[in-house]
Amino acid sequence: MKELVTTSEVNRVFLVLALLVPVPAFVLTIVVGRLTRVPSWWYRAGILVALAAPFNFVLWKIYELNTSAMGLDTVKNVVVNVVFFILVGVVGGIAITKLVTAPSNRDSQQPKGD
């Protein structure tokens, strides 16, 4: 029985994406940002999108190292990967929320003096 997708094919796809996505994402962020009035978080979001593909490649390599070290079908490998990706998700979610969300009107108002 042959695999549907091999590890080398996934490596190749993730590497190509890591090399090709950042430049167009940066360019589109800047061009759209200059042509239209966008809030400041637009540029931060564009940078995050541009960095997503290389970061995905790094995560894939970490996953690949884990599975080759501990074995693909071990409970230990599953637990390590679940804990690792939960931590990456939580830290990434907090970072994205802090970097991308626009401050609310309440936060940007200055206190009024009497």
Protein backbone atom coordinates (compact mmCIF):
# COMPACT_ATOMS: atom_id res chain seq x y z
CA MET A 1 0.00 0.00 0.00
CA LYS A 2 1.36 3.40 -0.98
CA GLU A 3 1.08 6.56 1.12
CA LEU A 4 -1.24 9.25 -0.19
CA VAL A 5 1.25 11.98 0.70
CA THR A 6 4.85 11.42 1.65
CA THR A 7 6.84 13.36 4.20
CA SER A 8 9.15 14.70 1.50
CA GLU A 9 6.15 16.05 -0.46
CA VAL A 10 4.82 17.84 2.62
CA ASN A 11 8.30 19.22 3.30
CA ARG A 12 8.50 20.52 -0.25
CA VAL A 13 5.06 22.18 -0.14
CA PHE A 14 5.69 23.85 3.23
CA LEU A 15 9.14 25.02 2.11
CA VAL A 16 7.77 26.50 -1.12
CA LEU A 17 5.01 28.27 0.82
CA ALA A 18 7.52 29.55 3.38
CA LEU A 19 9.61 31.03 0.57
CA LEU A 20 6.81 32.38 -1.64
CA VAL A 21 4.18 33.76 0.76
CA PRO A 22 6.06 36.48 2.71
CA VAL A 23 6.99 38.81 -0.17
CA PRO A 24 3.52 38.99 -1.79
CA ALA A 25 1.91 39.35 1.65
CA PHE A 26 4.20 42.28 2.54
CA VAL A 27 3.65 43.90 -0.85
CA LEU A 28 -0.14 43.51 -0.72
CA THR A 29 -0.23 44.84 2.82
CA ILE A 30 1.69 47.96 1.84
CA VAL A 31 -0.13 48.53 -1.47
CA VAL A 32 -3.62 48.11 -0.03
CA GLY A 33 -2.61 50.13 3.02
CA ARG A 34 -1.39 53.01 0.85
CA LEU A 35 -4.32 52.97 -1.58
CA THR A 36 -7.05 52.90 1.06
CA ARG A 37 -7.39 54.33 4.50
CA VAL A 38 -6.67 51.44 6.81
CA PRO A 39 -6.17 51.43 10.55
CA SER A 40 -2.67 50.92 11.94
CA TRP A 41 -3.42 47.33 12.94
CA TRP A 42 -3.75 46.51 9.21
CA TYR A 43 0.03 46.61 8.82
CA ARG A 44 0.59 44.44 11.87
CA ALA A 45 -1.92 41.91 10.54
CA GLY A 46 -0.16 41.90 7.17
CA ILE A 47 3.16 41.19 8.84
CA LEU A 48 1.59 38.30 10.77
CA VAL A 49 0.16 36.84 7.56
CA ALA A 50 3.55 37.18 5.88
CA LEU A 51 5.22 35.35 8.75
CA ALA A 52 2.59 32.61 8.99
CA ALA A 53 4.00 30.38 6.24
CA PRO A 54 7.60 30.37 7.53
CA PHE A 55 6.29 29.79 11.06
CA ASN A 56 4.17 26.90 9.76
CA PHE A 57 7.31 25.38 8.21
CA VAL A 58 9.12 25.65 11.57
CA LEU A 59 6.20 24.00 13.36
CA TRP A 60 6.17 21.22 10.78
CA LYS A 61 9.88 20.60 11.32
CA ILE A 62 9.37 20.48 15.11
CA TYR A 63 6.51 18.01 14.65
CA GLU A 64 8.67 15.94 12.33
CA LEU A 65 11.52 15.86 14.87
CA ASN A 66 9.11 14.81 17.64
CA THR A 67 7.63 11.98 15.63
CA SER A 68 11.00 10.70 14.44
CA ALA A 69 12.39 10.78 18.00
CA MET A 70 9.40 9.23 19.79
CA GLY A 71 7.70 7.26 17.07
CA LEU A 72 4.59 8.16 15.13
CA ASP A 73 2.15 5.90 16.96
CA THR A 74 3.18 6.30 20.60
CA VAL A 75 1.01 7.84 23.28
CA LYS A 76 3.97 9.89 24.48
CA ASN A 77 4.31 11.49 21.04
CA VAL A 78 0.62 12.35 20.92
CA VAL A 79 0.71 13.91 24.40
CA VAL A 80 3.86 15.93 23.65
CA ASN A 81 2.43 17.20 20.36
CA VAL A 82 -0.95 18.06 21.88
CA VAL A 83 0.66 20.00 24.75
CA PHE A 84 3.09 21.75 22.40
CA PHE A 85 0.43 22.83 19.91
CA ILE A 86 -1.95 23.94 22.65
CA LEU A 87 0.83 26.15 24.03
CA VAL A 88 1.61 27.49 20.55
CA GLY A 89 -2.10 28.17 19.98
CA VAL A 90 -2.62 29.97 23.27
CA VAL A 91 0.55 32.07 23.01
CA GLY A 92 -0.15 32.79 19.34
CA GLY A 93 -3.75 33.74 20.05
CA ILE A 94 -2.74 36.13 22.81
CA ALA A 95 -0.02 37.66 20.63
CA ILE A 96 -2.34 38.10 17.66
CA THR A 97 -5.03 39.63 19.85
CA LYS A 98 -2.55 42.10 21.36
CA LEU A 99 -0.96 43.00 18.02
CA VAL A 100 -3.93 43.13 15.68
CA THR A 101 -7.02 44.22 17.53
CA ALA A 102 -7.74 47.91 17.40
CA PRO A 103 -8.03 49.67 20.73
CA SER A 104 -11.58 50.44 21.71
CA ASN A 105 -12.84 54.02 21.94
CA ARG A 106 -12.92 53.68 25.69
CA ASP A 107 -9.20 52.89 25.80
CA SER A 108 -8.23 55.76 23.51
CA GLN A 109 -10.12 58.49 25.37
CA GLN A 110 -8.10 60.72 27.60
CA PRO A 111 -9.41 61.31 31.13
CA LYS A 112 -11.05 64.71 31.38
CA GLY A 113 -9.75 67.04 34.03
CA ASP A 114 -12.15 69.20 36.07
